[in-house]
Amino acid sequence: MQYKLGDVTIVIENNEYMVIEPTFPSNLKNVFNMIMEKIYDNLPVGQQTESSHDVINRVLIEVLEELGLKNDDPSLLPKLLYYILREVEGYGKIDPLMRDPNVEEISVLGANEPVIVVHKLNTQTRWLKTNIVFERDE
């Protein structure tokens, strides 16, 4: 079984629930961290003159322009935006699980263990292992 949830593809096979997110170049991890730091520094607290979504878009474009990356790869902006929104406005790594209307339960067994879910369309087994794992420092 396979279906889309926005930018994410969910694949269920062999008693596993696989979340396939947009690919993100590992060499841009530092850029992502820099953008996240600037976003958190710029997010309004209390009275808001600018929405969080506007802040995210503004900071993302500013940082990409500063680093000369804005026009390098047209697919980079939507990928970065996906991960930024997942972290700032969503639930981090488990955001696709939380947004999937077919997921009935989510369980985190511990660090370095796959998150498991109960999926209402899966009749083979109660719990499905996911490809989402939290490290000790998360």
Foldseek 3Di string as FASTA:
>chain_A
DWDDDVQWIWDDDPLATEIHHPDDDPVCPVVLVVLLVQLVVPADDDDDPDHSLRSSVVSNCVSCVVVVNNPVDPVNVVRSVVQSCCPPVADHPCRVVVRDPQWDDWDQPDAPAFIWTAGNVDDPDGIGGYPDGHHPVD
